[in-house]
Every structure is written in C-alpha cells, then in structure tokens.
Amino acid sequence: MPAAKGRTKLATETKTLKVGDAAPDFSLRSHDGREITLSDYRGKSVVLAFFAFAFTNT
C-alpha cells in the first residue's frame, strides 16, 4: 500500500529509536510489486536505500 503524501497521524505516534534499538517491523512494496517485510530477513544483513523523488514525474 503506498504511503500517503505529507504528514500522517502515525508519524507523530512513532517512538524515536536510539542507537542499538531493534528496527520496528514494516512492509514495503518492491520495485517489481512484491511486498517485502523486514522480519522476513531476520538474522540477515539488510540495506535500505531511499531515493527522494526517484522514478517519479514530479
């Protein structure tokens, strides 16, 4: 499910993580449309790369 544009109530309710804290579980849609969930990769190294406005027409 795509994220809503702008601020959401959920963002204000999210706790701040500190160095050493476990990342909260979340799901994202991959470039090929598959849903990827962080917990599926528990015990493996994961690198997330976010590119603002990449692949958009804005």
C-alpha atoms as a PDB file:
ATOM      1  CA  MET A   1       0.000   0.000   0.000  1.00  0.00           C
ATOM      2  CA  PRO A   2       1.540   3.364  -0.979  1.00  0.00           C
ATOM      3  CA  ALA A   3       2.232   5.864   1.761  1.00  0.00           C
ATOM      4  CA  ALA A   4       0.054   8.951   1.930  1.00  0.00           C
ATOM      5  CA  LYS A   5       1.719  12.165   0.845  1.00  0.00           C
ATOM      6  CA  GLY A   6       2.603  14.560   3.664  1.00  0.00           C
ATOM      7  CA  ARG A   7       2.393  14.068   7.402  1.00  0.00           C
ATOM      8  CA  THR A   8       0.223  11.405   8.930  1.00  0.00           C
ATOM      9  CA  LYS A   9      -1.012  10.802  12.457  1.00  0.00           C
ATOM     10  CA  LEU A  10       1.026   7.594  12.547  1.00  0.00           C
ATOM     11  CA  ALA A  11       4.264   9.547  12.124  1.00  0.00           C
ATOM     12  CA  THR A  12       3.552  11.563  15.249  1.00  0.00           C
ATOM     13  CA  GLU A  13       2.877   8.391  17.235  1.00  0.00           C
ATOM     14  CA  THR A  14       6.122   6.644  16.238  1.00  0.00           C
ATOM     15  CA  LYS A  15       8.693   6.398  19.016  1.00  0.00           C
ATOM     16  CA  THR A  16      12.207   7.670  18.424  1.00  0.00           C
ATOM     17  CA  LEU A  17      14.782   4.932  18.003  1.00  0.00           C
ATOM     18  CA  LYS A  18      18.153   5.079  19.691  1.00  0.00           C
ATOM     19  CA  VAL A  19      21.444   3.584  18.544  1.00  0.00           C
ATOM     20  CA  GLY A  20      21.305  -0.144  19.203  1.00  0.00           C
ATOM     21  CA  ASP A  21      17.490  -0.393  19.182  1.00  0.00           C
ATOM     22  CA  ALA A  22      15.941  -3.090  17.024  1.00  0.00           C
ATOM     23  CA  ALA A  23      14.234  -1.743  13.931  1.00  0.00           C
ATOM     24  CA  PRO A  24      10.436  -1.960  14.040  1.00  0.00           C
ATOM     25  CA  ASP A  25       8.888  -4.418  11.605  1.00  0.00           C
ATOM     26  CA  PHE A  26       7.429  -2.901   8.452  1.00  0.00           C
ATOM     27  CA  SER A  27       6.439  -3.844   4.925  1.00  0.00           C
ATOM     28  CA  LEU A  28       7.161  -2.068   1.663  1.00  0.00           C
ATOM     29  CA  ARG A  29       6.383  -2.766  -1.955  1.00  0.00           C
ATOM     30  CA  SER A  30       9.467  -3.555  -4.038  1.00  0.00           C
ATOM     31  CA  HIS A  31      10.259  -2.174  -7.474  1.00  0.00           C
ATOM     32  CA  ASP A  32       8.665  -5.260  -9.037  1.00  0.00           C
ATOM     33  CA  GLY A  33       5.459  -5.059  -6.977  1.00  0.00           C
ATOM     34  CA  ARG A  34       6.243  -7.748  -4.361  1.00  0.00           C
ATOM     35  CA  GLU A  35       5.589  -6.952  -0.700  1.00  0.00           C
ATOM     36  CA  ILE A  36       8.787  -7.143   1.346  1.00  0.00           C
ATOM     37  CA  THR A  37       8.607  -7.412   5.161  1.00  0.00           C
ATOM     38  CA  LEU A  38      11.644  -6.663   7.312  1.00  0.00           C
ATOM     39  CA  SER A  39      11.015  -9.589   9.666  1.00  0.00           C
ATOM     40  CA  ASP A  40      11.411 -11.988   6.700  1.00  0.00           C
ATOM     41  CA  TYR A  41      15.115 -11.085   6.756  1.00  0.00           C
ATOM     42  CA  ARG A  42      15.729 -11.513  10.494  1.00  0.00           C
ATOM     43  CA  GLY A  43      19.337 -12.602  11.088  1.00  0.00           C
ATOM     44  CA  LYS A  44      20.495 -11.314   7.701  1.00  0.00           C
ATOM     45  CA  SER A  45      22.100  -8.016   6.769  1.00  0.00           C
ATOM     46  CA  VAL A  46      19.666  -5.530   5.227  1.00  0.00           C
ATOM     47  CA  VAL A  47      20.453  -2.275   3.448  1.00  0.00           C
ATOM     48  CA  LEU A  48      17.642   0.172   2.689  1.00  0.00           C
ATOM     49  CA  ALA A  49      18.179   2.814   0.032  1.00  0.00           C
ATOM     50  CA  PHE A  50      15.641   5.623  -0.254  1.00  0.00           C
ATOM     51  CA  PHE A  51      15.801   7.975  -3.209  1.00  0.00           C
ATOM     52  CA  ALA A  52      13.594  11.016  -2.859  1.00  0.00           C
ATOM     53  CA  PHE A  53      11.522  11.548  -5.987  1.00  0.00           C
ATOM     54  CA  ALA A  54      13.327   8.772  -7.847  1.00  0.00           C
ATOM     55  CA  PHE A  55      11.318   7.268 -10.666  1.00  0.00           C
ATOM     56  CA  THR A  56       8.562   9.862 -10.384  1.00  0.00           C
ATOM     57  CA  ASN A  57       7.270  12.509 -12.744  1.00  0.00           C
ATOM     58  CA  THR A  58       7.221  15.288 -10.130  1.00  0.00           C
END
